[in-house]
Structure formats: structure tokens, C-alpha cells
Amino acid sequence: MEHVAGVLSRVLQRLGLDEELIGWRAVGEWGHLVGPRVARHTRAVAFRDGVLQVEVEGSAWMHELGFLKRDLVRKINRHLGNPFVREVRFIVPRGGILR
């Protein structure tokens, strides 16, 4: 009898969703990847087509993190084991970050 994980992995691969699923790991592990200082002011909220979307606490943080984009993408992809994340897109949500 085959394990559910193996079946699920094959189904996701056939549907072309395996890379998307791995990219969503970056959403879940964002705080660990960026450290507590950045995590207090940001929240990863989505992953789609190689783009990790991150809410930031204001334009000052967006500006500061813009300088770190390239390093963040490299660090995330190294953690994931493949270059699934092509870009990190920072947004300032209306009403602030929901925690």
C-alpha cells in the first residue's frame, strides 16, 4: 500500500502545483527566514507564479526592505532547495497588517 504523501505528491506534480506548494512554504516560514526584527513589521501572505507577496508596516519598511530583495530571494530559495521564488513583492495594506 502506498503512503498518502506519495500519492499527493504525484497528483500535485501532474496538476503543475508542486512548485506552488513549495513556494507556499516560504509564506509559512517567512518569520523564521527573515528573523524577529523584520518579522515584527512584515507578514508573508501569498505565493503565486514565483512571486512571494509580503505585507509591510508602512512605506519606510517597504523602502528599507526594497534594498534587501535580492538577498531575501536568494536566502529563501536556498532554504527551499530550488529557485521557486523569483520575486518578493512588498505591499502596505490598508488598515495595517492583520496579525
N, C-alpha and C. Protein backbone atom coordinates (compact mmCIF):
# COMPACT_ATOMS: atom_id res chain seq x y z
N MET A 1 0.84 -1.18 0.00
CA MET A 1 0.00 0.00 0.00
C MET A 1 0.89 1.25 0.00
N GLU A 2 0.53 2.21 -0.81
CA GLU A 2 1.31 3.44 -0.95
C GLU A 2 0.88 4.49 0.08
N HIS A 3 1.86 5.26 0.55
CA HIS A 3 1.58 6.33 1.51
C HIS A 3 0.84 7.48 0.83
N VAL A 4 0.01 8.15 1.59
CA VAL A 4 -0.77 9.28 1.08
C VAL A 4 0.15 10.38 0.56
N ALA A 5 1.27 10.60 1.24
CA ALA A 5 2.19 11.66 0.82
C ALA A 5 2.70 11.42 -0.60
N GLY A 6 2.98 10.17 -0.94
CA GLY A 6 3.47 9.85 -2.28
C GLY A 6 2.41 10.08 -3.33
N VAL A 7 1.19 9.69 -3.02
CA VAL A 7 0.07 9.89 -3.96
C VAL A 7 -0.17 11.38 -4.15
N LEU A 8 -0.22 12.11 -3.05
CA LEU A 8 -0.47 13.55 -3.11
C LEU A 8 0.62 14.26 -3.91
N SER A 9 1.85 13.86 -3.69
CA SER A 9 2.97 14.47 -4.42
C SER A 9 2.82 14.27 -5.92
N ARG A 10 2.47 13.06 -6.35
CA ARG A 10 2.28 12.78 -7.78
C ARG A 10 1.11 13.57 -8.37
N VAL A 11 0.02 13.66 -7.63
CA VAL A 11 -1.15 14.40 -8.11
C VAL A 11 -0.81 15.88 -8.27
N LEU A 12 -0.14 16.45 -7.27
CA LEU A 12 0.24 17.86 -7.36
C LEU A 12 1.18 18.10 -8.53
N GLN A 13 2.09 17.17 -8.75
CA GLN A 13 3.02 17.31 -9.87
C GLN A 13 2.29 17.25 -11.20
N ARG A 14 1.36 16.33 -11.35
CA ARG A 14 0.58 16.23 -12.59
C ARG A 14 -0.24 17.48 -12.85
N LEU A 15 -0.74 18.09 -11.79
CA LEU A 15 -1.54 19.30 -11.93
C LEU A 15 -0.68 20.56 -12.06
N GLY A 16 0.63 20.40 -11.92
CA GLY A 16 1.54 21.54 -12.02
C GLY A 16 1.51 22.42 -10.78
N LEU A 17 1.13 21.85 -9.66
CA LEU A 17 1.00 22.64 -8.43
C LEU A 17 2.11 22.36 -7.42
N ASP A 18 3.02 21.47 -7.74
CA ASP A 18 4.05 21.10 -6.78
C ASP A 18 4.97 22.28 -6.44
N GLU A 19 5.35 23.07 -7.44
CA GLU A 19 6.20 24.23 -7.18
C GLU A 19 5.44 25.30 -6.39
N GLU A 20 4.15 25.46 -6.68
CA GLU A 20 3.34 26.42 -5.93
C GLU A 20 3.28 26.02 -4.46
N LEU A 21 3.11 24.75 -4.21
CA LEU A 21 3.04 24.26 -2.83
C LEU A 21 4.34 24.53 -2.10
N ILE A 22 5.45 24.27 -2.75
CA ILE A 22 6.75 24.54 -2.13
C ILE A 22 6.91 26.03 -1.90
N GLY A 23 6.46 26.85 -2.84
CA GLY A 23 6.52 28.30 -2.66
C GLY A 23 5.72 28.77 -1.47
N TRP A 24 4.61 28.10 -1.19
CA TRP A 24 3.80 28.46 -0.02
C TRP A 24 4.53 28.16 1.28
N ARG A 25 5.52 27.28 1.24
CA ARG A 25 6.36 27.07 2.44
C ARG A 25 7.04 28.37 2.84
N ALA A 26 7.43 29.17 1.84
CA ALA A 26 8.07 30.45 2.13
C ALA A 26 7.13 31.38 2.90
N VAL A 27 5.83 31.29 2.59
CA VAL A 27 4.84 32.08 3.32
C VAL A 27 4.82 31.64 4.78
N GLY A 28 4.72 30.35 4.99
CA GLY A 28 4.64 29.81 6.34
C GLY A 28 5.90 30.00 7.16
N GLU A 29 7.04 30.03 6.51
CA GLU A 29 8.32 30.10 7.21
C GLU A 29 8.96 31.49 7.15
N TRP A 30 8.21 32.46 6.66
CA TRP A 30 8.73 33.82 6.48
C TRP A 30 9.40 34.35 7.75
N GLY A 31 8.72 34.29 8.87
CA GLY A 31 9.27 34.83 10.12
C GLY A 31 10.59 34.20 10.49
N HIS A 32 10.71 32.92 10.29
CA HIS A 32 11.96 32.20 10.58
C HIS A 32 13.06 32.65 9.61
N LEU A 33 12.70 32.85 8.37
CA LEU A 33 13.69 33.19 7.34
C LEU A 33 14.26 34.60 7.50
N VAL A 34 13.40 35.54 7.91
CA VAL A 34 13.85 36.93 7.96
C VAL A 34 14.30 37.38 9.34
N GLY A 35 13.98 36.60 10.35
CA GLY A 35 14.38 36.95 11.71
C GLY A 35 13.33 37.79 12.42
N PRO A 36 13.44 37.89 13.74
CA PRO A 36 12.40 38.53 14.55
C PRO A 36 12.22 40.02 14.28
N ARG A 37 13.29 40.73 14.01
CA ARG A 37 13.17 42.18 13.80
C ARG A 37 12.29 42.49 12.58
N VAL A 38 12.58 41.86 11.46
CA VAL A 38 11.81 42.09 10.25
C VAL A 38 10.42 41.47 10.39
N ALA A 39 10.34 40.30 11.00
CA ALA A 39 9.05 39.61 11.15
C ALA A 39 8.05 40.43 11.95
N ARG A 40 8.53 41.24 12.90
CA ARG A 40 7.61 42.09 13.69
C ARG A 40 6.90 43.14 12.84
N HIS A 41 7.46 43.46 11.68
CA HIS A 41 6.94 44.54 10.86
C HIS A 41 6.44 44.07 9.50
N THR A 42 6.42 42.76 9.29
CA THR A 42 6.02 42.20 8.00
C THR A 42 5.21 40.93 8.20
N ARG A 43 4.56 40.51 7.12
CA ARG A 43 3.83 39.24 7.13
C ARG A 43 3.69 38.75 5.70
N ALA A 44 4.23 37.58 5.41
CA ALA A 44 4.06 36.98 4.09
C ALA A 44 2.62 36.48 3.99
N VAL A 45 1.96 36.81 2.88
CA VAL A 45 0.53 36.50 2.78
C VAL A 45 0.17 35.63 1.58
N ALA A 46 1.03 35.56 0.56
CA ALA A 46 0.64 34.79 -0.62
C ALA A 46 1.87 34.42 -1.44
N PHE A 47 1.69 33.38 -2.27
CA PHE A 47 2.70 32.97 -3.24
C PHE A 47 1.97 32.54 -4.50
N ARG A 48 2.37 33.12 -5.60
CA ARG A 48 1.74 32.76 -6.88
C ARG A 48 2.70 33.07 -8.02
N ASP A 49 2.86 32.09 -8.89
CA ASP A 49 3.70 32.25 -10.09
C ASP A 49 5.08 32.80 -9.78
N GLY A 50 5.70 32.32 -8.70
CA GLY A 50 7.05 32.72 -8.37
C GLY A 50 7.17 34.02 -7.60
N VAL A 51 6.03 34.62 -7.25
CA VAL A 51 6.06 35.90 -6.54
C VAL A 51 5.54 35.69 -5.11
N LEU A 52 6.40 36.04 -4.15
CA LEU A 52 6.02 35.99 -2.74
C LEU A 52 5.53 37.38 -2.35
N GLN A 53 4.30 37.47 -1.89
CA GLN A 53 3.72 38.76 -1.52
C GLN A 53 3.82 38.93 -0.01
N VAL A 54 4.35 40.08 0.40
CA VAL A 54 4.60 40.35 1.81
C VAL A 54 4.01 41.70 2.19
N GLU A 55 3.17 41.70 3.22
CA GLU A 55 2.64 42.94 3.76
C GLU A 55 3.70 43.56 4.66
N VAL A 56 3.83 44.88 4.57
CA VAL A 56 4.80 45.59 5.41
C VAL A 56 4.09 46.69 6.18
N GLU A 57 4.68 47.04 7.28
CA GLU A 57 4.11 48.03 8.20
C GLU A 57 4.53 49.44 7.80
N GLY A 58 4.10 49.89 6.67
CA GLY A 58 4.36 51.26 6.26
C GLY A 58 5.40 51.39 5.16
N SER A 59 5.42 52.57 4.59
CA SER A 59 6.30 52.81 3.44
C SER A 59 7.78 52.83 3.84
N ALA A 60 8.10 53.22 5.07
CA ALA A 60 9.50 53.21 5.50
C ALA A 60 10.06 51.78 5.47
N TRP A 61 9.28 50.83 5.96
CA TRP A 61 9.71 49.43 5.92
C TRP A 61 9.77 48.92 4.49
N MET A 62 8.84 49.32 3.65
CA MET A 62 8.86 48.90 2.25
C MET A 62 10.14 49.39 1.59
N HIS A 63 10.49 50.63 1.85
CA HIS A 63 11.70 51.21 1.28
C HIS A 63 12.94 50.46 1.76
N GLU A 64 13.04 50.24 3.06
CA GLU A 64 14.21 49.55 3.63
C GLU A 64 14.34 48.13 3.08
N LEU A 65 13.22 47.41 3.03
CA LEU A 65 13.26 46.02 2.56
C LEU A 65 13.51 45.93 1.05
N GLY A 66 13.18 46.99 0.34
CA GLY A 66 13.46 47.01 -1.09
C GLY A 66 14.94 46.81 -1.39
N PHE A 67 15.79 47.32 -0.50
CA PHE A 67 17.24 47.15 -0.68
C PHE A 67 17.68 45.71 -0.42
N LEU A 68 16.86 44.95 0.30
CA LEU A 68 17.21 43.57 0.67
C LEU A 68 16.57 42.51 -0.23
N LYS A 69 15.77 42.94 -1.20
CA LYS A 69 15.02 41.99 -2.02
C LYS A 69 15.88 40.87 -2.60
N ARG A 70 16.94 41.24 -3.25
CA ARG A 70 17.79 40.25 -3.93
C ARG A 70 18.33 39.23 -2.92
N ASP A 71 18.80 39.72 -1.77
CA ASP A 71 19.33 38.82 -0.74
C ASP A 71 18.23 37.94 -0.16
N LEU A 72 17.04 38.49 0.01
CA LEU A 72 15.92 37.71 0.54
C LEU A 72 15.54 36.58 -0.41
N VAL A 73 15.47 36.89 -1.69
CA VAL A 73 15.12 35.87 -2.69
C VAL A 73 16.16 34.75 -2.66
N ARG A 74 17.42 35.12 -2.60
CA ARG A 74 18.50 34.12 -2.55
C ARG A 74 18.38 33.24 -1.30
N LYS A 75 18.15 33.88 -0.17
CA LYS A 75 18.07 33.16 1.11
C LYS A 75 16.86 32.21 1.13
N ILE A 76 15.73 32.69 0.65
CA ILE A 76 14.51 31.87 0.61
C ILE A 76 14.71 30.67 -0.30
N ASN A 77 15.24 30.90 -1.48
CA ASN A 77 15.44 29.80 -2.43
C ASN A 77 16.47 28.79 -1.92
N ARG A 78 17.48 29.26 -1.23
CA ARG A 78 18.45 28.34 -0.64
C ARG A 78 17.75 27.46 0.40
N HIS A 79 16.87 28.07 1.19
CA HIS A 79 16.11 27.34 2.21
C HIS A 79 15.16 26.33 1.57
N LEU A 80 14.51 26.72 0.48
CA LEU A 80 13.57 25.83 -0.19
C LEU A 80 14.26 24.73 -1.00
N GLY A 81 15.51 24.97 -1.36
CA GLY A 81 16.25 23.97 -2.12
C GLY A 81 16.16 24.12 -3.62
N ASN A 82 15.41 25.10 -4.10
CA ASN A 82 15.25 25.36 -5.53
C ASN A 82 14.84 26.82 -5.74
N PRO A 83 15.08 27.35 -6.93
CA PRO A 83 14.73 28.76 -7.19
C PRO A 83 13.25 28.95 -7.53
N PHE A 84 12.38 28.63 -6.60
CA PHE A 84 10.94 28.78 -6.83
C PHE A 84 10.48 30.23 -6.71
N VAL A 85 11.13 31.00 -5.85
CA VAL A 85 10.74 32.39 -5.64
C VAL A 85 11.58 33.27 -6.58
N ARG A 86 10.91 33.93 -7.50
CA ARG A 86 11.60 34.83 -8.44
C ARG A 86 11.63 36.25 -7.92
N GLU A 87 10.61 36.60 -7.13
CA GLU A 87 10.47 37.99 -6.68
C GLU A 87 9.76 38.02 -5.33
N VAL A 88 10.12 39.03 -4.54
CA VAL A 88 9.38 39.34 -3.32
C VAL A 88 8.72 40.69 -3.57
N ARG A 89 7.41 40.73 -3.44
CA ARG A 89 6.66 41.97 -3.66
C ARG A 89 6.12 42.47 -2.32
N PHE A 90 6.53 43.68 -1.96
CA PHE A 90 6.09 44.27 -0.70
C PHE A 90 4.89 45.18 -0.94
N ILE A 91 3.91 45.10 -0.06
CA ILE A 91 2.73 45.95 -0.15
C ILE A 91 2.41 46.50 1.24
N VAL A 92 1.85 47.69 1.25
CA VAL A 92 1.35 48.29 2.50
C VAL A 92 -0.15 48.13 2.46
N PRO A 93 -0.71 47.25 3.30
CA PRO A 93 -2.16 47.03 3.26
C PRO A 93 -2.92 48.18 3.90
N ARG A 94 -4.09 48.46 3.37
CA ARG A 94 -4.95 49.45 4.00
C ARG A 94 -5.37 48.93 5.37
N GLY A 95 -5.30 49.78 6.35
CA GLY A 95 -5.69 49.38 7.70
C GLY A 95 -4.60 48.66 8.46
N GLY A 96 -3.41 48.53 7.90
CA GLY A 96 -2.31 47.89 8.59
C GLY A 96 -2.29 46.37 8.44
N ILE A 97 -1.25 45.78 8.95
CA ILE A 97 -1.06 44.34 8.87
C ILE A 97 -1.99 43.66 9.86
N LEU A 98 -2.72 42.68 9.38
CA LEU A 98 -3.58 41.88 10.27
C LEU A 98 -2.77 40.74 10.83
N ARG A 99 -2.77 40.59 12.10
CA ARG A 99 -1.99 39.51 12.75
C ARG A 99 -2.90 38.44 13.25
